[in-house]
C-alpha atoms as a PDB file:
ATOM      1  CA  MET A   1      13.521 -41.103  -4.885  1.00  0.00           C
ATOM      2  CA  ILE A   2      11.945 -42.817  -1.875  1.00  0.00           C
ATOM      3  CA  VAL A   3      14.727 -45.400  -1.789  1.00  0.00           C
ATOM      4  CA  LEU A   4      17.385 -42.703  -1.897  1.00  0.00           C
ATOM      5  CA  MET A   5      15.816 -40.442   0.715  1.00  0.00           C
ATOM      6  CA  LEU A   6      14.201 -42.893   3.152  1.00  0.00           C
ATOM      7  CA  ILE A   7      15.504 -46.439   2.859  1.00  0.00           C
ATOM      8  CA  LEU A   8      19.246 -45.848   2.402  1.00  0.00           C
ATOM      9  CA  PRO A   9      19.501 -43.503   5.406  1.00  0.00           C
ATOM     10  CA  ALA A  10      17.564 -46.035   7.480  1.00  0.00           C
ATOM     11  CA  TYR A  11      20.080 -48.754   6.569  1.00  0.00           C
ATOM     12  CA  LEU A  12      22.945 -46.411   7.400  1.00  0.00           C
ATOM     13  CA  ALA A  13      21.348 -45.656  10.779  1.00  0.00           C
ATOM     14  CA  LEU A  14      20.958 -49.372  11.442  1.00  0.00           C
ATOM     15  CA  VAL A  15      24.617 -50.018  10.659  1.00  0.00           C
ATOM     16  CA  SER A  16      25.610 -47.052  12.806  1.00  0.00           C
ATOM     17  CA  ALA A  17      23.613 -48.406  15.730  1.00  0.00           C
ATOM     18  CA  ILE A  18      25.130 -51.878  15.375  1.00  0.00           C
ATOM     19  CA  VAL A  19      28.751 -50.705  15.223  1.00  0.00           C
ATOM     20  CA  TRP A  20      28.075 -47.793  17.627  1.00  0.00           C
ATOM     21  CA  ARG A  21      29.620 -45.028  15.515  1.00  0.00           C
ATOM     22  CA  ARG A  22      28.512 -41.411  15.715  1.00  0.00           C
ATOM     23  CA  LEU A  23      29.569 -40.153  12.294  1.00  0.00           C
ATOM     24  CA  PRO A  24      27.246 -42.408  10.236  1.00  0.00           C
ATOM     25  CA  MET A  25      24.361 -41.460  12.544  1.00  0.00           C
ATOM     26  CA  LEU A  26      25.108 -37.774  12.032  1.00  0.00           C
ATOM     27  CA  ILE A  27      25.273 -38.314   8.262  1.00  0.00           C
ATOM     28  CA  THR A  28      21.930 -40.132   8.433  1.00  0.00           C
ATOM     29  CA  LEU A  29      20.342 -37.287  10.362  1.00  0.00           C
ATOM     30  CA  ILE A  30      21.630 -34.604   7.985  1.00  0.00           C
ATOM     31  CA  TRP A  31      20.717 -36.693   4.921  1.00  0.00           C
ATOM     32  CA  SER A  32      17.160 -37.339   6.157  1.00  0.00           C
ATOM     33  CA  LEU A  33      16.422 -33.920   7.599  1.00  0.00           C
ATOM     34  CA  PRO A  34      15.172 -31.942   4.533  1.00  0.00           C
ATOM     35  CA  PHE A  35      12.989 -34.695   3.098  1.00  0.00           C
ATOM     36  CA  GLY A  36      11.813 -35.739   6.568  1.00  0.00           C
ATOM     37  CA  ILE A  37      10.708 -32.251   7.523  1.00  0.00           C
ATOM     38  CA  TYR A  38       8.888 -31.929   4.216  1.00  0.00           C
ATOM     39  CA  LEU A  39       7.080 -35.245   4.723  1.00  0.00           C
ATOM     40  CA  ALA A  40       6.273 -34.498   8.349  1.00  0.00           C
ATOM     41  CA  LEU A  41       4.757 -31.069   7.665  1.00  0.00           C
ATOM     42  CA  ALA A  42       3.466 -31.092   4.062  1.00  0.00           C
ATOM     43  CA  ALA A  43       0.315 -33.147   4.531  1.00  0.00           C
ATOM     44  CA  PHE A  44      -0.533 -32.885   8.185  1.00  0.00           C
ATOM     45  CA  PRO A  45      -1.991 -35.204   9.527  1.00  0.00           C
ATOM     46  CA  SER A  46      -1.011 -38.255   7.531  1.00  0.00           C
ATOM     47  CA  ILE A  47       1.019 -41.404   7.889  1.00  0.00           C
ATOM     48  CA  TRP A  48       4.049 -39.483   6.570  1.00  0.00           C
ATOM     49  CA  SER A  49       3.916 -37.267   9.645  1.00  0.00           C
ATOM     50  CA  LEU A  50       5.407 -40.181  11.568  1.00  0.00           C
ATOM     51  CA  PHE A  51       8.653 -39.540   9.751  1.00  0.00           C
ATOM     52  CA  GLY A  52       9.119 -36.555  12.066  1.00  0.00           C
ATOM     53  CA  VAL A  53       9.237 -39.051  14.930  1.00  0.00           C
ATOM     54  CA  VAL A  54      11.925 -40.998  13.063  1.00  0.00           C
ATOM     55  CA  LEU A  55      13.994 -37.823  12.759  1.00  0.00           C
ATOM     56  CA  LEU A  56      13.693 -37.263  16.502  1.00  0.00           C
ATOM     57  CA  LEU A  57      14.814 -40.836  17.124  1.00  0.00           C
ATOM     58  CA  TYR A  58      17.850 -40.327  14.872  1.00  0.00           C
ATOM     59  CA  LEU A  59      18.703 -37.206  16.876  1.00  0.00           C
ATOM     60  CA  CYS A  60      18.245 -38.988  20.207  1.00  0.00           C
ATOM     61  CA  SER A  61      20.445 -41.848  19.027  1.00  0.00           C
ATOM     62  CA  PHE A  62      23.192 -39.461  17.985  1.00  0.00           C
ATOM     63  CA  ILE A  63      23.042 -37.640  21.341  1.00  0.00           C
ATOM     64  CA  ARG A  64      23.149 -40.941  23.248  1.00  0.00           C
ATOM     65  CA  MET A  65      26.171 -42.064  21.256  1.00  0.00           C
ATOM     66  CA  ALA A  66      27.928 -38.758  21.954  1.00  0.00           C
ATOM     67  CA  GLN A  67      27.201 -39.023  25.691  1.00  0.00           C
ATOM     68  CA  LYS A  68      28.417 -42.611  25.811  1.00  0.00           C
ATOM     69  CA  LYS A  69      31.634 -41.614  24.024  1.00  0.00           C
ATOM     70  CA  GLN A  70      32.292 -38.799  26.515  1.00  0.00           C
ATOM     71  CA  ARG A  71      31.783 -41.128  29.487  1.00  0.00           C
ATOM     72  CA  SER A  72      34.081 -43.805  28.094  1.00  0.00           C
ATOM     73  CA  GLU A  73      37.022 -41.448  27.390  1.00  0.00           C
ATOM     74  CA  PRO A  74      39.600 -41.445  30.174  1.00  0.00           C
ATOM     75  CA  LYS A  75      40.126 -38.145  31.964  1.00  0.00           C
ATOM     76  CA  HIS A  76      43.689 -36.872  32.110  1.00  0.00           C
END
């Protein structure tokens, strides 16, 4: 369960960051969101609460990629 909900999305986010694609980062964020919120809030404070920070970093990465894409598109 941990591999499916934590490690695979992290690998997908890494690949998304390397190839600079927004869709895999969005999939990673959506995939990690339910389990991440549960881990971040279920046993507060604990080491698992840091997973909430990871979710915020996924979101920031997706927003940065979207902003970069908008700047690089030519205006007609």
